[in-house]
Amino acid sequence: MTDSVPMLAPAPYVTIPLAAMITGLTEKAIRRKIEDGKWIEGREYRRSPDGGVFISIKGYASWVEKATG
């Protein structure tokens, strides 16, 4: 008998607290990037129908990769 291993896929959008844990940024830094317009709605984050903010993991990765040193 083989044990079944559940397959999990990462969520494409996560809450600000989870994004902070994943990225190493603080929640305040994430909120500041949104407030200052450094992160664009629809690219680095989205709002849910009830107004919640969800960070795009793909958008965050693209933002980091386009940074110049």
PDB file of N, CA and C in Angstrom:
ATOM      1  N   MET A   1       0.850  -1.179   0.000  1.00  0.00           N
ATOM      2  CA  MET A   1       0.000   0.000   0.000  1.00  0.00           C
ATOM      3  C   MET A   1       0.896   1.243   0.000  1.00  0.00           C
ATOM      4  N   THR A   2       0.596   2.170  -0.882  1.00  0.00           N
ATOM      5  CA  THR A   2       1.391   3.395  -0.937  1.00  0.00           C
ATOM      6  C   THR A   2       0.649   4.519  -0.235  1.00  0.00           C
ATOM      7  N   ASP A   3       1.422   5.333   0.456  1.00  0.00           N
ATOM      8  CA  ASP A   3       0.829   6.494   1.125  1.00  0.00           C
ATOM      9  C   ASP A   3       0.608   7.599   0.105  1.00  0.00           C
ATOM     10  N   SER A   4      -0.507   8.246   0.208  1.00  0.00           N
ATOM     11  CA  SER A   4      -0.826   9.356  -0.684  1.00  0.00           C
ATOM     12  C   SER A   4      -0.241  10.645  -0.111  1.00  0.00           C
ATOM     13  N   VAL A   5       0.500  11.352  -0.933  1.00  0.00           N
ATOM     14  CA  VAL A   5       1.096  12.614  -0.513  1.00  0.00           C
ATOM     15  C   VAL A   5       0.315  13.742  -1.170  1.00  0.00           C
ATOM     16  N   PRO A   6      -0.249  14.637  -0.356  1.00  0.00           N
ATOM     17  CA  PRO A   6      -1.006  15.733  -0.974  1.00  0.00           C
ATOM     18  C   PRO A   6      -0.079  16.675  -1.735  1.00  0.00           C
ATOM     19  N   MET A   7      -0.523  17.099  -2.891  1.00  0.00           N
ATOM     20  CA  MET A   7       0.244  18.045  -3.689  1.00  0.00           C
ATOM     21  C   MET A   7      -0.271  19.452  -3.380  1.00  0.00           C
ATOM     22  N   LEU A   8       0.632  20.325  -3.042  1.00  0.00           N
ATOM     23  CA  LEU A   8       0.261  21.699  -2.734  1.00  0.00           C
ATOM     24  C   LEU A   8       0.898  22.642  -3.739  1.00  0.00           C
ATOM     25  N   ALA A   9       0.133  23.600  -4.160  1.00  0.00           N
ATOM     26  CA  ALA A   9       0.658  24.632  -5.056  1.00  0.00           C
ATOM     27  C   ALA A   9       0.678  25.950  -4.301  1.00  0.00           C
ATOM     28  N   PRO A  10       1.702  26.756  -4.486  1.00  0.00           N
ATOM     29  CA  PRO A  10       1.735  28.041  -3.792  1.00  0.00           C
ATOM     30  C   PRO A  10       0.614  28.957  -4.280  1.00  0.00           C
ATOM     31  N   ALA A  11       0.093  29.737  -3.379  1.00  0.00           N
ATOM     32  CA  ALA A  11      -0.957  30.681  -3.747  1.00  0.00           C
ATOM     33  C   ALA A  11      -0.351  31.820  -4.556  1.00  0.00           C
ATOM     34  N   PRO A  12      -1.005  32.242  -5.630  1.00  0.00           N
ATOM     35  CA  PRO A  12      -0.457  33.331  -6.425  1.00  0.00           C
ATOM     36  C   PRO A  12      -0.523  34.680  -5.703  1.00  0.00           C
ATOM     37  N   TYR A  13      -1.463  34.827  -4.778  1.00  0.00           N
ATOM     38  CA  TYR A  13      -1.612  36.056  -3.999  1.00  0.00           C
ATOM     39  C   TYR A  13      -1.676  35.688  -2.522  1.00  0.00           C
ATOM     40  N   VAL A  14      -0.987  36.468  -1.700  1.00  0.00           N
ATOM     41  CA  VAL A  14      -0.965  36.198  -0.262  1.00  0.00           C
ATOM     42  C   VAL A  14      -1.226  37.486   0.509  1.00  0.00           C
ATOM     43  N   THR A  15      -1.628  37.350   1.754  1.00  0.00           N
ATOM     44  CA  THR A  15      -1.868  38.501   2.612  1.00  0.00           C
ATOM     45  C   THR A  15      -0.555  39.225   2.907  1.00  0.00           C
ATOM     46  N   ILE A  16      -0.651  40.443   3.365  1.00  0.00           N
ATOM     47  CA  ILE A  16       0.549  41.215   3.692  1.00  0.00           C
ATOM     48  C   ILE A  16       1.379  40.519   4.780  1.00  0.00           C
ATOM     49  N   PRO A  17       0.778  40.003   5.870  1.00  0.00           N
ATOM     50  CA  PRO A  17       1.613  39.319   6.870  1.00  0.00           C
ATOM     51  C   PRO A  17       2.370  38.115   6.304  1.00  0.00           C
ATOM     52  N   LEU A  18       1.727  37.328   5.444  1.00  0.00           N
ATOM     53  CA  LEU A  18       2.404  36.176   4.854  1.00  0.00           C
ATOM     54  C   LEU A  18       3.465  36.638   3.851  1.00  0.00           C
ATOM     55  N   ALA A  19       3.172  37.676   3.086  1.00  0.00           N
ATOM     56  CA  ALA A  19       4.157  38.216   2.150  1.00  0.00           C
ATOM     57  C   ALA A  19       5.394  38.702   2.899  1.00  0.00           C
ATOM     58  N   ALA A  20       5.186  39.291   4.059  1.00  0.00           N
ATOM     59  CA  ALA A  20       6.321  39.752   4.866  1.00  0.00           C
ATOM     60  C   ALA A  20       7.192  38.570   5.283  1.00  0.00           C
ATOM     61  N   MET A  21       6.577  37.483   5.687  1.00  0.00           N
ATOM     62  CA  MET A  21       7.335  36.297   6.088  1.00  0.00           C
ATOM     63  C   MET A  21       8.080  35.699   4.896  1.00  0.00           C
ATOM     64  N   ILE A  22       7.451  35.672   3.731  1.00  0.00           N
ATOM     65  CA  ILE A  22       8.049  35.065   2.538  1.00  0.00           C
ATOM     66  C   ILE A  22       9.199  35.908   2.002  1.00  0.00           C
ATOM     67  N   THR A  23       9.005  37.232   1.966  1.00  0.00           N
ATOM     68  CA  THR A  23       9.965  38.113   1.302  1.00  0.00           C
ATOM     69  C   THR A  23      11.061  38.648   2.214  1.00  0.00           C
ATOM     70  N   GLY A  24      10.798  38.677   3.512  1.00  0.00           N
ATOM     71  CA  GLY A  24      11.762  39.277   4.437  1.00  0.00           C
ATOM     72  C   GLY A  24      11.543  40.768   4.627  1.00  0.00           C
ATOM     73  N   LEU A  25      10.630  41.362   3.856  1.00  0.00           N
ATOM     74  CA  LEU A  25      10.263  42.757   4.073  1.00  0.00           C
ATOM     75  C   LEU A  25       9.344  42.836   5.284  1.00  0.00           C
ATOM     76  N   THR A  26       9.300  43.984   5.937  1.00  0.00           N
ATOM     77  CA  THR A  26       8.348  44.144   7.035  1.00  0.00           C
ATOM     78  C   THR A  26       6.974  44.466   6.453  1.00  0.00           C
ATOM     79  N   GLU A  27       5.945  44.244   7.253  1.00  0.00           N
ATOM     80  CA  GLU A  27       4.597  44.609   6.821  1.00  0.00           C
ATOM     81  C   GLU A  27       4.538  46.104   6.532  1.00  0.00           C
ATOM     82  N   LYS A  28       5.205  46.900   7.374  1.00  0.00           N
ATOM     83  CA  LYS A  28       5.228  48.348   7.185  1.00  0.00           C
ATOM     84  C   LYS A  28       5.880  48.712   5.852  1.00  0.00           C
ATOM     85  N   ALA A  29       6.973  48.045   5.506  1.00  0.00           N
ATOM     86  CA  ALA A  29       7.662  48.325   4.242  1.00  0.00           C
ATOM     87  C   ALA A  29       6.764  47.996   3.054  1.00  0.00           C
ATOM     88  N   ILE A  30       6.042  46.896   3.140  1.00  0.00           N
ATOM     89  CA  ILE A  30       5.126  46.512   2.061  1.00  0.00           C
ATOM     90  C   ILE A  30       4.023  47.554   1.914  1.00  0.00           C
ATOM     91  N   ARG A  31       3.429  47.940   3.037  1.00  0.00           N
ATOM     92  CA  ARG A  31       2.358  48.946   2.996  1.00  0.00           C
ATOM     93  C   ARG A  31       2.886  50.280   2.463  1.00  0.00           C
ATOM     94  N   ARG A  32       4.083  50.644   2.826  1.00  0.00           N
ATOM     95  CA  ARG A  32       4.692  51.903   2.365  1.00  0.00           C
ATOM     96  C   ARG A  32       4.917  51.875   0.852  1.00  0.00           C
ATOM     97  N   LYS A  33       5.367  50.741   0.327  1.00  0.00           N
ATOM     98  CA  LYS A  33       5.577  50.635  -1.118  1.00  0.00           C
ATOM     99  C   LYS A  33       4.258  50.824  -1.870  1.00  0.00           C
ATOM    100  N   ILE A  34       3.180  50.320  -1.297  1.00  0.00           N
ATOM    101  CA  ILE A  34       1.856  50.487  -1.902  1.00  0.00           C
ATOM    102  C   ILE A  34       1.423  51.952  -1.793  1.00  0.00           C
ATOM    103  N   GLU A  35       1.546  52.533  -0.605  1.00  0.00           N
ATOM    104  CA  GLU A  35       1.126  53.924  -0.383  1.00  0.00           C
ATOM    105  C   GLU A  35       1.921  54.901  -1.236  1.00  0.00           C
ATOM    106  N   ASP A  36       3.221  54.652  -1.398  1.00  0.00           N
ATOM    107  CA  ASP A  36       4.091  55.554  -2.162  1.00  0.00           C
ATOM    108  C   ASP A  36       4.009  55.336  -3.671  1.00  0.00           C
ATOM    109  N   GLY A  37       3.239  54.339  -4.096  1.00  0.00           N
ATOM    110  CA  GLY A  37       3.091  54.071  -5.524  1.00  0.00           C
ATOM    111  C   GLY A  37       4.260  53.324  -6.147  1.00  0.00           C
ATOM    112  N   LYS A  38       5.146  52.786  -5.316  1.00  0.00           N
ATOM    113  CA  LYS A  38       6.257  51.993  -5.844  1.00  0.00           C
ATOM    114  C   LYS A  38       5.771  50.632  -6.320  1.00  0.00           C
ATOM    115  N   TRP A  39       4.720  50.133  -5.677  1.00  0.00           N
ATOM    116  CA  TRP A  39       4.062  48.910  -6.124  1.00  0.00           C
ATOM    117  C   TRP A  39       2.731  49.318  -6.716  1.00  0.00           C
ATOM    118  N   ILE A  40       2.434  48.783  -7.877  1.00  0.00           N
ATOM    119  CA  ILE A  40       1.251  49.166  -8.641  1.00  0.00           C
ATOM    120  C   ILE A  40       0.154  48.106  -8.506  1.00  0.00           C
ATOM    121  N   GLU A  41      -1.072  48.603  -8.272  1.00  0.00           N
ATOM    122  CA  GLU A  41      -2.211  47.683  -8.185  1.00  0.00           C
ATOM    123  C   GLU A  41      -2.386  46.990  -9.525  1.00  0.00           C
ATOM    124  N   GLY A  42      -2.550  45.678  -9.479  1.00  0.00           N
ATOM    125  CA  GLY A  42      -2.673  44.871 -10.686  1.00  0.00           C
ATOM    126  C   GLY A  42      -1.343  44.298 -11.133  1.00  0.00           C
ATOM    127  N   ARG A  43      -0.246  44.797 -10.571  1.00  0.00           N
ATOM    128  CA  ARG A  43       1.083  44.291 -10.923  1.00  0.00           C
ATOM    129  C   ARG A  43       1.724  43.618  -9.703  1.00  0.00           C
ATOM    130  N   GLU A  44       1.984  44.374  -8.634  1.00  0.00           N
ATOM    131  CA  GLU A  44       2.580  43.788  -7.425  1.00  0.00           C
ATOM    132  C   GLU A  44       1.529  43.399  -6.383  1.00  0.00           C
ATOM    133  N   TYR A  45       0.349  43.960  -6.482  1.00  0.00           N
ATOM    134  CA  TYR A  45      -0.707  43.605  -5.525  1.00  0.00           C
ATOM    135  C   TYR A  45      -2.079  43.801  -6.149  1.00  0.00           C
ATOM    136  N   ARG A  46      -3.075  43.235  -5.498  1.00  0.00           N
ATOM    137  CA  ARG A  46      -4.474  43.401  -5.909  1.00  0.00           C
ATOM    138  C   ARG A  46      -5.331  43.578  -4.665  1.00  0.00           C
ATOM    139  N   ARG A  47      -6.489  44.163  -4.879  1.00  0.00           N
ATOM    140  CA  ARG A  47      -7.467  44.295  -3.799  1.00  0.00           C
ATOM    141  C   ARG A  47      -8.596  43.291  -4.046  1.00  0.00           C
ATOM    142  N   SER A  48      -9.019  42.657  -2.967  1.00  0.00           N
ATOM    143  CA  SER A  48     -10.138  41.722  -3.065  1.00  0.00           C
ATOM    144  C   SER A  48     -11.443  42.514  -3.120  1.00  0.00           C
ATOM    145  N   PRO A  49     -12.555  41.865  -3.448  1.00  0.00           N
ATOM    146  CA  PRO A  49     -13.837  42.574  -3.515  1.00  0.00           C
ATOM    147  C   PRO A  49     -14.221  43.271  -2.207  1.00  0.00           C
ATOM    148  N   ASP A  50     -13.718  42.756  -1.078  1.00  0.00           N
ATOM    149  CA  ASP A  50     -14.044  43.396   0.200  1.00  0.00           C
ATOM    150  C   ASP A  50     -12.978  44.400   0.653  1.00  0.00           C
ATOM    151  N   GLY A  51     -12.013  44.711  -0.231  1.00  0.00           N
ATOM    152  CA  GLY A  51     -11.029  45.739   0.073  1.00  0.00           C
ATOM    153  C   GLY A  51      -9.714  45.247   0.649  1.00  0.00           C
ATOM    154  N   GLY A  52      -9.580  43.949   0.867  1.00  0.00           N
ATOM    155  CA  GLY A  52      -8.327  43.406   1.396  1.00  0.00           C
ATOM    156  C   GLY A  52      -7.211  43.522   0.363  1.00  0.00           C
ATOM    157  N   VAL A  53      -5.986  43.621   0.851  1.00  0.00           N
ATOM    158  CA  VAL A  53      -4.831  43.738  -0.031  1.00  0.00           C
ATOM    159  C   VAL A  53      -4.109  42.401  -0.078  1.00  0.00           C
ATOM    160  N   PHE A  54      -3.836  41.920  -1.294  1.00  0.00           N
ATOM    161  CA  PHE A  54      -3.136  40.667  -1.494  1.00  0.00           C
ATOM    162  C   PHE A  54      -1.937  40.908  -2.392  1.00  0.00           C
ATOM    163  N   ILE A  55      -0.784  40.415  -1.970  1.00  0.00           N
ATOM    164  CA  ILE A  55       0.463  40.620  -2.681  1.00  0.00           C
ATOM    165  C   ILE A  55       0.650  39.501  -3.703  1.00  0.00           C
ATOM    166  N   SER A  56       1.022  39.890  -4.913  1.00  0.00           N
ATOM    167  CA  SER A  56       1.306  38.931  -5.972  1.00  0.00           C
ATOM    168  C   SER A  56       2.739  38.432  -5.801  1.00  0.00           C
ATOM    169  N   ILE A  57       2.905  37.152  -5.607  1.00  0.00           N
ATOM    170  CA  ILE A  57       4.247  36.585  -5.477  1.00  0.00           C
ATOM    171  C   ILE A  57       5.010  36.756  -6.794  1.00  0.00           C
ATOM    172  N   LYS A  58       4.334  36.548  -7.909  1.00  0.00           N
ATOM    173  CA  LYS A  58       4.959  36.732  -9.223  1.00  0.00           C
ATOM    174  C   LYS A  58       5.327  38.209  -9.432  1.00  0.00           C
ATOM    175  N   GLY A  59       4.444  39.109  -9.046  1.00  0.00           N
ATOM    176  CA  GLY A  59       4.711  40.536  -9.175  1.00  0.00           C
ATOM    177  C   GLY A  59       5.882  40.972  -8.315  1.00  0.00           C
ATOM    178  N   TYR A  60       5.955  40.435  -7.100  1.00  0.00           N
ATOM    179  CA  TYR A  60       7.076  40.748  -6.214  1.00  0.00           C
ATOM    180  C   TYR A  60       8.390  40.269  -6.837  1.00  0.00           C
ATOM    181  N   ALA A  61       8.391  39.044  -7.358  1.00  0.00           N
ATOM    182  CA  ALA A  61       9.609  38.490  -7.961  1.00  0.00           C
ATOM    183  C   ALA A  61      10.048  39.336  -9.151  1.00  0.00           C
ATOM    184  N   SER A  62       9.122  39.761  -9.978  1.00  0.00           N
ATOM    185  CA  SER A  62       9.457  40.610 -11.128  1.00  0.00           C
ATOM    186  C   SER A  62      10.024  41.945 -10.665  1.00  0.00           C
ATOM    187  N   TRP A  63       9.458  42.507  -9.607  1.00  0.00           N
ATOM    188  CA  TRP A  63       9.933  43.775  -9.047  1.00  0.00           C
ATOM    189  C   TRP A  63      11.375  43.641  -8.566  1.00  0.00           C
ATOM    190  N   VAL A  64      11.668  42.555  -7.872  1.00  0.00           N
ATOM    191  CA  VAL A  64      13.032  42.331  -7.364  1.00  0.00           C
ATOM    192  C   VAL A  64      13.998  42.140  -8.533  1.00  0.00           C
ATOM    193  N   GLU A  65      13.597  41.379  -9.531  1.00  0.00           N
ATOM    194  CA  GLU A  65      14.476  41.056 -10.650  1.00  0.00           C
ATOM    195  C   GLU A  65      14.770  42.264 -11.538  1.00  0.00           C
ATOM    196  N   LYS A  66      13.888  43.250 -11.570  1.00  0.00           N
ATOM    197  CA  LYS A  66      14.148  44.408 -12.417  1.00  0.00           C
ATOM    198  C   LYS A  66      14.964  45.487 -11.695  1.00  0.00           C
ATOM    199  N   ALA A  67      15.212  45.302 -10.386  1.00  0.00           N
ATOM    200  CA  ALA A  67      16.006  46.267  -9.633  1.00  0.00           C
ATOM    201  C   ALA A  67      17.427  46.324 -10.171  1.00  0.00           C
ATOM    202  N   THR A  68      17.947  47.508 -10.243  1.00  0.00           N
ATOM    203  CA  THR A  68      19.336  47.667 -10.699  1.00  0.00           C
ATOM    204  C   THR A  68      20.237  47.938  -9.513  1.00  0.00           C
ATOM    205  N   GLY A  69      21.433  47.428  -9.577  1.00  0.00           N
ATOM    206  CA  GLY A  69      22.370  47.546  -8.486  1.00  0.00           C
ATOM    207  C   GLY A  69      23.143  48.779  -8.605  1.00  0.00           C
TER     208      GLY A  69
END
